[in-house]
């Protein structure tokens, strides 16, 4: 007959994580993407707009500021792969990123007088674009951005929020 210690050792071994000892790649759902550069000067309009403003989805998540250096080289806003690189996506070439028109992202005008107006003001009338960055499963981040400045000294400014879409 087995002792209590033998039985406990058996149970401990049976309940161990089968992937123990193997490294796990970080999925994009756990990845925290870069939203601001060090020393970023967030435009006042964006700081005011995000105060107490939440994105409504299955969970209400706060908007956070976006301020990233972007050498726009006269082309305006980045494409999907360039955007993925800017936010430090682990695999920019295969990132699940879509581009939306602001009216498509906000069909009821829920954010037009707060977030969208603040982003337009920060960009001094430049185009505004919404990037949908999938975080796997039902999670996605919406990045509402524009450019501030031109050329090598340009910045990508705006706000982003997490959405849970079931």
N, C-alpha and C. Protein backbone atom coordinates (compact mmCIF):
# COMPACT_ATOMS: atom_id res chain seq x y z
N UNK A 1 0.84 -1.17 0.00
CA UNK A 1 0.00 0.00 0.00
C UNK A 1 0.89 1.24 0.00
N UNK A 2 0.52 2.26 -0.77
CA UNK A 2 1.30 3.49 -0.91
C UNK A 2 1.10 4.40 0.29
N UNK A 3 2.13 5.13 0.62
CA UNK A 3 2.04 6.07 1.74
C UNK A 3 1.34 7.35 1.31
N UNK A 4 0.95 8.16 2.28
CA UNK A 4 0.32 9.45 2.00
C UNK A 4 1.25 10.36 1.19
N UNK A 5 2.56 10.30 1.50
CA UNK A 5 3.53 11.14 0.77
C UNK A 5 3.59 10.73 -0.70
N UNK A 6 3.56 9.41 -0.95
CA UNK A 6 3.60 8.93 -2.33
C UNK A 6 2.35 9.40 -3.10
N UNK A 7 1.22 9.32 -2.42
CA UNK A 7 -0.04 9.74 -3.05
C UNK A 7 -0.02 11.24 -3.35
N UNK A 8 0.48 12.05 -2.42
CA UNK A 8 0.57 13.50 -2.63
C UNK A 8 1.55 13.82 -3.77
N UNK A 9 2.64 13.11 -3.85
CA UNK A 9 3.60 13.31 -4.94
C UNK A 9 2.95 13.00 -6.28
N UNK A 10 2.16 11.92 -6.30
CA UNK A 10 1.42 11.56 -7.52
C UNK A 10 0.45 12.69 -7.92
N UNK A 11 -0.32 13.20 -6.96
CA UNK A 11 -1.27 14.27 -7.25
C UNK A 11 -0.55 15.54 -7.72
N UNK A 12 0.54 15.90 -7.07
CA UNK A 12 1.30 17.09 -7.47
C UNK A 12 1.78 16.97 -8.91
N UNK A 13 2.29 15.79 -9.26
CA UNK A 13 2.79 15.57 -10.62
C UNK A 13 1.64 15.61 -11.63
N UNK A 14 0.51 15.03 -11.29
CA UNK A 14 -0.64 14.99 -12.19
C UNK A 14 -1.24 16.38 -12.42
N UNK A 15 -1.11 17.26 -11.43
CA UNK A 15 -1.70 18.60 -11.54
C UNK A 15 -0.74 19.66 -12.05
N UNK A 16 0.47 19.29 -12.42
CA UNK A 16 1.43 20.24 -12.95
C UNK A 16 0.99 20.75 -14.32
N UNK A 17 1.38 21.97 -14.63
CA UNK A 17 1.11 22.55 -15.94
C UNK A 17 1.90 21.78 -16.99
N UNK A 18 1.24 21.19 -18.01
CA UNK A 18 1.96 20.39 -19.00
C UNK A 18 2.94 21.23 -19.85
N UNK A 19 2.76 22.54 -19.89
CA UNK A 19 3.67 23.37 -20.66
C UNK A 19 4.78 23.95 -19.81
N UNK A 20 4.89 23.49 -18.58
CA UNK A 20 5.92 23.98 -17.66
C UNK A 20 7.29 23.72 -18.26
N UNK A 21 8.14 24.72 -18.23
CA UNK A 21 9.48 24.59 -18.77
C UNK A 21 9.61 25.01 -20.22
N UNK A 22 8.49 25.28 -20.89
CA UNK A 22 8.52 25.74 -22.27
C UNK A 22 8.24 27.24 -22.28
N UNK A 23 8.97 27.97 -23.13
CA UNK A 23 8.70 29.41 -23.23
C UNK A 23 7.44 29.61 -24.05
N UNK A 24 6.69 30.62 -23.68
CA UNK A 24 5.43 30.90 -24.35
C UNK A 24 5.55 32.22 -25.08
N UNK A 25 5.24 32.25 -26.39
CA UNK A 25 5.28 33.53 -27.09
C UNK A 25 4.17 34.43 -26.58
N UNK A 26 4.46 35.72 -26.53
CA UNK A 26 3.46 36.66 -26.04
C UNK A 26 2.45 36.91 -27.15
N UNK A 27 1.18 36.65 -26.86
CA UNK A 27 0.16 36.87 -27.87
C UNK A 27 -0.16 38.36 -27.94
N UNK A 28 -0.74 38.78 -29.06
CA UNK A 28 -1.06 40.20 -29.20
C UNK A 28 -2.18 40.62 -28.25
N UNK A 29 -2.94 39.65 -27.70
CA UNK A 29 -3.99 40.02 -26.74
C UNK A 29 -3.39 40.49 -25.42
N UNK A 30 -2.19 40.02 -25.10
CA UNK A 30 -1.52 40.43 -23.88
C UNK A 30 -0.55 41.57 -24.15
N UNK A 31 -0.22 41.78 -25.40
CA UNK A 31 0.75 42.80 -25.78
C UNK A 31 0.20 44.18 -25.47
N UNK A 32 1.02 44.99 -24.83
CA UNK A 32 0.67 46.38 -24.59
C UNK A 32 1.41 47.18 -25.64
N UNK A 33 0.69 47.79 -26.55
CA UNK A 33 1.30 48.51 -27.65
C UNK A 33 1.75 49.90 -27.20
N UNK A 34 2.79 50.40 -27.84
CA UNK A 34 3.33 51.71 -27.52
C UNK A 34 2.36 52.79 -27.99
N UNK A 35 1.99 53.69 -27.08
CA UNK A 35 1.05 54.77 -27.43
C UNK A 35 1.70 56.15 -27.35
N UNK A 36 2.73 56.29 -26.53
CA UNK A 36 3.38 57.60 -26.40
C UNK A 36 4.89 57.43 -26.33
N UNK A 37 5.59 58.39 -26.93
CA UNK A 37 7.04 58.44 -26.84
C UNK A 37 7.43 59.03 -25.49
N UNK A 38 8.63 58.73 -25.06
CA UNK A 38 9.14 59.33 -23.82
C UNK A 38 9.18 60.84 -23.99
N UNK A 39 8.76 61.56 -22.97
CA UNK A 39 8.77 63.02 -23.01
C UNK A 39 7.72 63.62 -23.93
N UNK A 40 6.68 62.85 -24.24
CA UNK A 40 5.64 63.32 -25.16
C UNK A 40 4.92 64.55 -24.60
N UNK A 41 4.63 65.48 -25.48
CA UNK A 41 3.87 66.69 -25.14
C UNK A 41 2.45 66.51 -25.68
N UNK A 42 1.60 65.88 -24.90
CA UNK A 42 0.23 65.59 -25.35
C UNK A 42 -0.50 66.92 -25.54
N UNK A 43 -1.09 67.14 -26.74
CA UNK A 43 -1.84 68.38 -26.96
C UNK A 43 -2.96 68.56 -25.93
N UNK A 44 -3.15 69.80 -25.50
CA UNK A 44 -4.15 70.11 -24.47
C UNK A 44 -5.54 69.65 -24.88
N UNK A 45 -5.89 69.80 -26.16
CA UNK A 45 -7.22 69.40 -26.63
C UNK A 45 -7.47 67.91 -26.39
N UNK A 46 -6.44 67.11 -26.59
CA UNK A 46 -6.58 65.66 -26.39
C UNK A 46 -6.64 65.34 -24.90
N UNK A 47 -5.80 65.98 -24.11
CA UNK A 47 -5.83 65.75 -22.66
C UNK A 47 -7.21 66.05 -22.09
N UNK A 48 -7.80 67.15 -22.53
CA UNK A 48 -9.13 67.53 -22.04
C UNK A 48 -10.20 66.54 -22.51
N UNK A 49 -10.11 66.13 -23.77
CA UNK A 49 -11.14 65.26 -24.35
C UNK A 49 -11.18 63.88 -23.70
N UNK A 50 -10.01 63.35 -23.32
CA UNK A 50 -10.00 61.99 -22.77
C UNK A 50 -10.39 61.93 -21.30
N UNK A 51 -10.40 63.08 -20.62
CA UNK A 51 -10.77 63.10 -19.21
C UNK A 51 -12.21 62.62 -19.03
N UNK A 52 -12.36 61.48 -18.40
CA UNK A 52 -13.70 60.96 -18.13
C UNK A 52 -14.44 60.44 -19.35
N UNK A 53 -13.75 60.25 -20.47
CA UNK A 53 -14.40 59.73 -21.67
C UNK A 53 -14.05 58.26 -21.83
N UNK A 54 -15.08 57.44 -21.97
CA UNK A 54 -14.91 56.00 -22.09
C UNK A 54 -15.45 55.52 -23.42
N UNK A 55 -14.82 54.49 -23.99
CA UNK A 55 -15.32 53.86 -25.20
C UNK A 55 -16.31 52.78 -24.79
N UNK A 56 -17.52 52.87 -25.31
CA UNK A 56 -18.58 51.92 -24.95
C UNK A 56 -18.52 50.68 -25.83
N UNK A 57 -18.32 49.54 -25.20
CA UNK A 57 -18.39 48.24 -25.85
C UNK A 57 -18.93 47.29 -24.79
N UNK A 58 -18.58 46.03 -24.85
CA UNK A 58 -19.03 45.12 -23.80
C UNK A 58 -18.45 45.52 -22.44
N UNK A 59 -17.36 46.25 -22.46
CA UNK A 59 -16.81 46.89 -21.26
C UNK A 59 -16.54 48.34 -21.62
N UNK A 60 -16.68 49.21 -20.69
CA UNK A 60 -16.38 50.62 -20.94
C UNK A 60 -14.95 50.89 -20.53
N UNK A 61 -14.11 51.22 -21.51
CA UNK A 61 -12.69 51.44 -21.26
C UNK A 61 -12.35 52.91 -21.51
N UNK A 62 -11.44 53.46 -20.70
CA UNK A 62 -11.07 54.87 -20.89
C UNK A 62 -10.21 55.08 -22.13
N UNK A 63 -10.30 56.26 -22.70
CA UNK A 63 -9.41 56.64 -23.78
C UNK A 63 -8.08 57.05 -23.16
N UNK A 64 -6.99 56.75 -23.84
CA UNK A 64 -5.66 57.17 -23.41
C UNK A 64 -5.01 57.92 -24.58
N UNK A 65 -4.09 58.83 -24.27
CA UNK A 65 -3.49 59.64 -25.33
C UNK A 65 -2.51 58.86 -26.20
N UNK A 66 -2.38 59.34 -27.44
CA UNK A 66 -1.41 58.79 -28.40
C UNK A 66 -0.54 59.95 -28.86
N UNK A 67 0.77 59.73 -28.83
CA UNK A 67 1.71 60.75 -29.29
C UNK A 67 3.00 60.04 -29.68
N UNK A 68 3.18 59.81 -30.98
CA UNK A 68 4.32 59.05 -31.49
C UNK A 68 5.02 59.81 -32.61
N UNK A 69 6.33 59.77 -32.61
CA UNK A 69 7.10 60.37 -33.70
C UNK A 69 6.78 59.62 -34.99
N UNK A 70 6.57 60.38 -36.07
CA UNK A 70 6.19 59.76 -37.35
C UNK A 70 6.77 60.59 -38.48
N UNK A 71 7.74 60.06 -39.16
CA UNK A 71 8.32 60.73 -40.32
C UNK A 71 7.38 60.48 -41.50
N UNK A 72 6.45 61.41 -41.67
CA UNK A 72 5.39 61.16 -42.66
C UNK A 72 5.85 61.41 -44.10
N UNK A 73 7.00 62.04 -44.30
CA UNK A 73 7.59 62.23 -45.64
C UNK A 73 6.58 62.70 -46.67
N UNK A 74 5.66 63.54 -46.27
CA UNK A 74 4.70 64.11 -47.21
C UNK A 74 3.54 63.20 -47.58
N UNK A 75 3.46 62.01 -46.97
CA UNK A 75 2.38 61.10 -47.36
C UNK A 75 1.21 61.06 -46.39
N UNK A 76 1.29 61.84 -45.32
CA UNK A 76 0.17 61.88 -44.38
C UNK A 76 0.22 60.77 -43.37
N UNK A 77 -0.86 60.02 -43.27
CA UNK A 77 -1.00 58.97 -42.25
C UNK A 77 -0.38 57.64 -42.71
N UNK A 78 0.10 56.84 -41.77
CA UNK A 78 0.74 55.56 -42.13
C UNK A 78 -0.25 54.51 -42.62
N UNK A 79 0.29 53.57 -43.42
CA UNK A 79 -0.53 52.41 -43.80
C UNK A 79 -0.52 51.42 -42.63
N UNK A 80 -1.18 50.29 -42.80
CA UNK A 80 -1.34 49.33 -41.71
C UNK A 80 0.00 48.82 -41.17
N UNK A 81 0.91 48.45 -42.06
CA UNK A 81 2.19 47.90 -41.62
C UNK A 81 3.07 48.97 -40.96
N UNK A 82 3.07 50.18 -41.50
CA UNK A 82 3.82 51.27 -40.88
C UNK A 82 3.26 51.57 -39.49
N UNK A 83 1.94 51.56 -39.38
CA UNK A 83 1.30 51.80 -38.09
C UNK A 83 1.70 50.72 -37.08
N UNK A 84 1.68 49.47 -37.53
CA UNK A 84 2.06 48.35 -36.65
C UNK A 84 3.49 48.53 -36.15
N UNK A 85 4.38 49.00 -37.00
CA UNK A 85 5.76 49.26 -36.58
C UNK A 85 5.83 50.39 -35.55
N UNK A 86 5.04 51.44 -35.77
CA UNK A 86 5.04 52.59 -34.86
C UNK A 86 4.62 52.20 -33.44
N UNK A 87 3.65 51.31 -33.34
CA UNK A 87 3.14 50.93 -32.02
C UNK A 87 3.88 49.73 -31.43
N UNK A 88 4.93 49.31 -32.14
CA UNK A 88 5.78 48.19 -31.70
C UNK A 88 5.02 46.87 -31.64
N UNK A 89 4.23 46.61 -32.67
CA UNK A 89 3.57 45.31 -32.79
C UNK A 89 4.66 44.25 -32.98
N UNK A 90 4.54 43.07 -32.35
CA UNK A 90 5.61 42.07 -32.46
C UNK A 90 5.82 41.55 -33.88
N UNK A 91 4.82 41.64 -34.75
CA UNK A 91 4.97 41.14 -36.12
C UNK A 91 4.22 42.07 -37.08
N UNK A 92 4.81 43.24 -37.39
CA UNK A 92 4.11 44.24 -38.21
C UNK A 92 3.59 43.74 -39.55
N UNK A 93 4.31 42.84 -40.19
CA UNK A 93 3.89 42.35 -41.51
C UNK A 93 2.60 41.56 -41.45
N UNK A 94 2.33 40.93 -40.31
CA UNK A 94 1.15 40.07 -40.18
C UNK A 94 0.15 40.59 -39.15
N UNK A 95 0.30 41.82 -38.73
CA UNK A 95 -0.61 42.39 -37.74
C UNK A 95 -2.02 42.49 -38.33
N UNK A 96 -3.00 42.19 -37.51
CA UNK A 96 -4.41 42.28 -37.92
C UNK A 96 -4.89 43.70 -37.62
N UNK A 97 -4.64 44.60 -38.59
CA UNK A 97 -4.99 46.01 -38.43
C UNK A 97 -5.86 46.43 -39.60
N UNK A 98 -6.95 47.11 -39.28
CA UNK A 98 -7.83 47.64 -40.31
C UNK A 98 -7.93 49.15 -40.18
N UNK A 99 -8.23 49.80 -41.29
CA UNK A 99 -8.39 51.25 -41.29
C UNK A 99 -9.86 51.57 -41.52
N UNK A 100 -10.39 52.44 -40.64
CA UNK A 100 -11.78 52.84 -40.72
C UNK A 100 -11.89 54.35 -40.91
N UNK A 101 -12.94 54.76 -41.56
CA UNK A 101 -13.28 56.17 -41.62
C UNK A 101 -13.89 56.53 -40.26
N UNK A 102 -13.62 57.73 -39.74
CA UNK A 102 -14.21 58.10 -38.43
C UNK A 102 -15.72 57.94 -38.37
N UNK A 103 -16.42 58.24 -39.47
CA UNK A 103 -17.88 58.10 -39.48
C UNK A 103 -18.30 56.64 -39.40
N UNK A 104 -17.49 55.76 -39.94
CA UNK A 104 -17.77 54.32 -39.87
C UNK A 104 -17.53 53.80 -38.45
N UNK A 105 -16.50 54.33 -37.78
CA UNK A 105 -16.18 53.93 -36.41
C UNK A 105 -17.21 54.48 -35.42
N UNK A 106 -17.71 55.68 -35.68
CA UNK A 106 -18.64 56.36 -34.76
C UNK A 106 -19.93 56.72 -35.50
N UNK A 107 -20.73 55.72 -35.92
CA UNK A 107 -21.90 56.01 -36.75
C UNK A 107 -22.99 56.83 -36.04
N UNK A 108 -23.04 56.79 -34.71
CA UNK A 108 -24.06 57.54 -33.97
C UNK A 108 -23.57 58.91 -33.50
N UNK A 109 -22.32 59.25 -33.82
CA UNK A 109 -21.79 60.54 -33.42
C UNK A 109 -21.52 60.66 -31.93
N UNK A 110 -21.34 59.55 -31.27
CA UNK A 110 -21.15 59.50 -29.83
C UNK A 110 -19.84 60.18 -29.39
N UNK A 111 -18.82 60.16 -30.27
CA UNK A 111 -17.51 60.70 -29.93
C UNK A 111 -17.12 61.90 -30.78
N UNK A 112 -18.05 62.41 -31.60
CA UNK A 112 -17.70 63.48 -32.54
C UNK A 112 -17.40 64.80 -31.85
N UNK A 113 -18.10 65.12 -30.77
CA UNK A 113 -17.87 66.41 -30.11
C UNK A 113 -16.78 66.33 -29.05
N UNK A 114 -16.26 65.14 -28.80
CA UNK A 114 -15.18 65.02 -27.81
C UNK A 114 -13.90 64.54 -28.49
N UNK A 115 -13.79 63.27 -28.68
CA UNK A 115 -12.54 62.67 -29.19
C UNK A 115 -12.23 63.14 -30.61
N UNK A 116 -13.17 63.02 -31.53
CA UNK A 116 -12.89 63.39 -32.92
C UNK A 116 -12.56 64.87 -33.07
N UNK A 117 -13.32 65.73 -32.41
CA UNK A 117 -13.02 67.17 -32.49
C UNK A 117 -11.66 67.49 -31.90
N UNK A 118 -11.29 66.85 -30.80
CA UNK A 118 -9.98 67.10 -30.17
C UNK A 118 -8.84 66.64 -31.08
N UNK A 119 -9.01 65.51 -31.73
CA UNK A 119 -7.97 65.00 -32.63
C UNK A 119 -7.84 65.93 -33.84
N UNK A 120 -8.96 66.38 -34.39
CA UNK A 120 -8.91 67.33 -35.51
C UNK A 120 -8.22 68.62 -35.10
N UNK A 121 -8.54 69.11 -33.91
CA UNK A 121 -7.94 70.34 -33.41
C UNK A 121 -6.42 70.16 -33.23
N UNK A 122 -6.01 69.04 -32.67
CA UNK A 122 -4.58 68.77 -32.46
C UNK A 122 -3.83 68.69 -33.79
N UNK A 123 -4.50 68.19 -34.82
CA UNK A 123 -3.88 68.07 -36.14
C UNK A 123 -4.09 69.27 -37.03
N UNK A 124 -4.70 70.31 -36.49
CA UNK A 124 -4.96 71.55 -37.24
C UNK A 124 -5.64 71.28 -38.58
N UNK A 125 -6.64 70.40 -38.53
CA UNK A 125 -7.44 70.14 -39.72
C UNK A 125 -6.93 69.02 -40.61
N UNK A 126 -5.84 68.36 -40.25
CA UNK A 126 -5.36 67.23 -41.05
C UNK A 126 -6.35 66.08 -41.00
N UNK A 127 -6.22 65.17 -41.95
CA UNK A 127 -7.10 64.00 -41.98
C UNK A 127 -7.04 63.22 -40.68
N UNK A 128 -8.18 62.65 -40.29
CA UNK A 128 -8.26 61.79 -39.11
C UNK A 128 -8.56 60.39 -39.60
N UNK A 129 -7.88 59.43 -38.99
CA UNK A 129 -8.07 58.04 -39.38
C UNK A 129 -8.24 57.21 -38.11
N UNK A 130 -9.00 56.12 -38.22
CA UNK A 130 -9.18 55.18 -37.11
C UNK A 130 -8.55 53.85 -37.52
N UNK A 131 -7.65 53.38 -36.68
CA UNK A 131 -7.02 52.08 -36.89
C UNK A 131 -7.62 51.11 -35.88
N UNK A 132 -8.06 49.96 -36.37
CA UNK A 132 -8.56 48.90 -35.48
C UNK A 132 -7.47 47.85 -35.39
N UNK A 133 -6.91 47.69 -34.19
CA UNK A 133 -5.83 46.74 -33.96
C UNK A 133 -6.38 45.56 -33.17
N UNK A 134 -6.46 44.41 -33.81
CA UNK A 134 -6.98 43.22 -33.14
C UNK A 134 -5.99 42.75 -32.08
N UNK A 135 -6.54 42.41 -30.92
CA UNK A 135 -5.71 41.87 -29.85
C UNK A 135 -6.05 40.40 -29.62
N UNK A 136 -6.69 39.78 -30.60
CA UNK A 136 -7.04 38.37 -30.51
C UNK A 136 -8.39 38.18 -29.84
N UNK A 137 -9.10 37.18 -30.27
CA UNK A 137 -10.41 36.90 -29.68
C UNK A 137 -11.37 38.05 -29.88
N UNK A 138 -11.97 38.50 -28.79
CA UNK A 138 -12.98 39.55 -28.87
C UNK A 138 -12.43 40.95 -28.54
N UNK A 139 -11.12 41.05 -28.32
CA UNK A 139 -10.53 42.35 -27.95
C UNK A 139 -9.89 43.04 -29.15
N UNK A 140 -10.09 44.35 -29.19
CA UNK A 140 -9.46 45.19 -30.22
C UNK A 140 -9.24 46.57 -29.63
N UNK A 141 -8.23 47.25 -30.16
CA UNK A 141 -8.01 48.64 -29.77
C UNK A 141 -8.36 49.52 -30.95
N UNK A 142 -9.02 50.64 -30.66
CA UNK A 142 -9.32 51.64 -31.68
C UNK A 142 -8.43 52.84 -31.44
N UNK A 143 -7.66 53.20 -32.43
CA UNK A 143 -6.72 54.32 -32.38
C UNK A 143 -7.25 55.40 -33.30
N UNK A 144 -7.64 56.53 -32.74
CA UNK A 144 -8.17 57.67 -33.50
C UNK A 144 -7.04 58.69 -33.58
N UNK A 145 -6.45 58.84 -34.77
CA UNK A 145 -5.23 59.64 -34.88
C UNK A 145 -5.22 60.56 -36.09
N UNK A 146 -4.32 61.52 -36.03
CA UNK A 146 -4.03 62.44 -37.12
C UNK A 146 -2.55 62.78 -37.05
N UNK A 147 -2.08 63.60 -37.98
CA UNK A 147 -0.69 64.04 -37.93
C UNK A 147 -0.62 65.46 -37.40
N UNK A 148 0.44 65.73 -36.65
CA UNK A 148 0.74 67.06 -36.16
C UNK A 148 2.10 67.41 -36.75
N UNK A 149 2.15 68.43 -37.59
CA UNK A 149 3.39 68.80 -38.25
C UNK A 149 3.59 68.04 -39.54
N UNK A 150 4.73 68.31 -40.17
CA UNK A 150 5.04 67.70 -41.47
C UNK A 150 6.46 67.15 -41.47
N UNK A 151 6.73 66.22 -42.37
CA UNK A 151 8.07 65.70 -42.58
C UNK A 151 8.61 64.88 -41.42
N UNK A 152 9.94 64.98 -41.23
CA UNK A 152 10.63 64.17 -40.22
C UNK A 152 10.25 64.54 -38.80
N UNK A 153 9.74 65.75 -38.58
CA UNK A 153 9.38 66.18 -37.23
C UNK A 153 7.89 65.98 -36.92
N UNK A 154 7.18 65.30 -37.80
CA UNK A 154 5.75 65.08 -37.59
C UNK A 154 5.51 64.13 -36.43
N UNK A 155 4.32 64.22 -35.87
CA UNK A 155 3.88 63.34 -34.78
C UNK A 155 2.53 62.75 -35.16
N UNK A 156 2.30 61.55 -34.69
CA UNK A 156 0.98 60.92 -34.80
C UNK A 156 0.31 61.17 -33.46
N UNK A 157 -0.78 61.93 -33.45
CA UNK A 157 -1.44 62.30 -32.20
C UNK A 157 -2.90 61.86 -32.21
N UNK A 158 -3.43 61.59 -31.02
CA UNK A 158 -4.83 61.20 -30.92
C UNK A 158 -5.10 60.49 -29.62
N UNK A 159 -6.02 59.53 -29.69
CA UNK A 159 -6.42 58.78 -28.51
C UNK A 159 -6.75 57.34 -28.94
N UNK A 160 -6.64 56.43 -27.98
CA UNK A 160 -6.99 55.03 -28.25
C UNK A 160 -7.77 54.47 -27.09
N UNK A 161 -8.54 53.42 -27.37
CA UNK A 161 -9.30 52.75 -26.32
C UNK A 161 -9.45 51.28 -26.67
N UNK A 162 -9.53 50.47 -25.64
CA UNK A 162 -9.74 49.04 -25.79
C UNK A 162 -11.24 48.76 -25.93
N UNK A 163 -11.58 47.86 -26.82
CA UNK A 163 -12.97 47.44 -26.98
C UNK A 163 -13.06 45.92 -26.81
N UNK A 164 -14.15 45.47 -26.22
CA UNK A 164 -14.45 44.05 -26.13
C UNK A 164 -15.73 43.86 -26.93
N UNK A 165 -15.62 43.10 -28.01
CA UNK A 165 -16.74 42.95 -28.96
C UNK A 165 -17.13 41.48 -29.06
N UNK A 166 -18.25 41.15 -28.43
CA UNK A 166 -18.66 39.74 -28.51
C UNK A 166 -19.82 39.58 -29.46
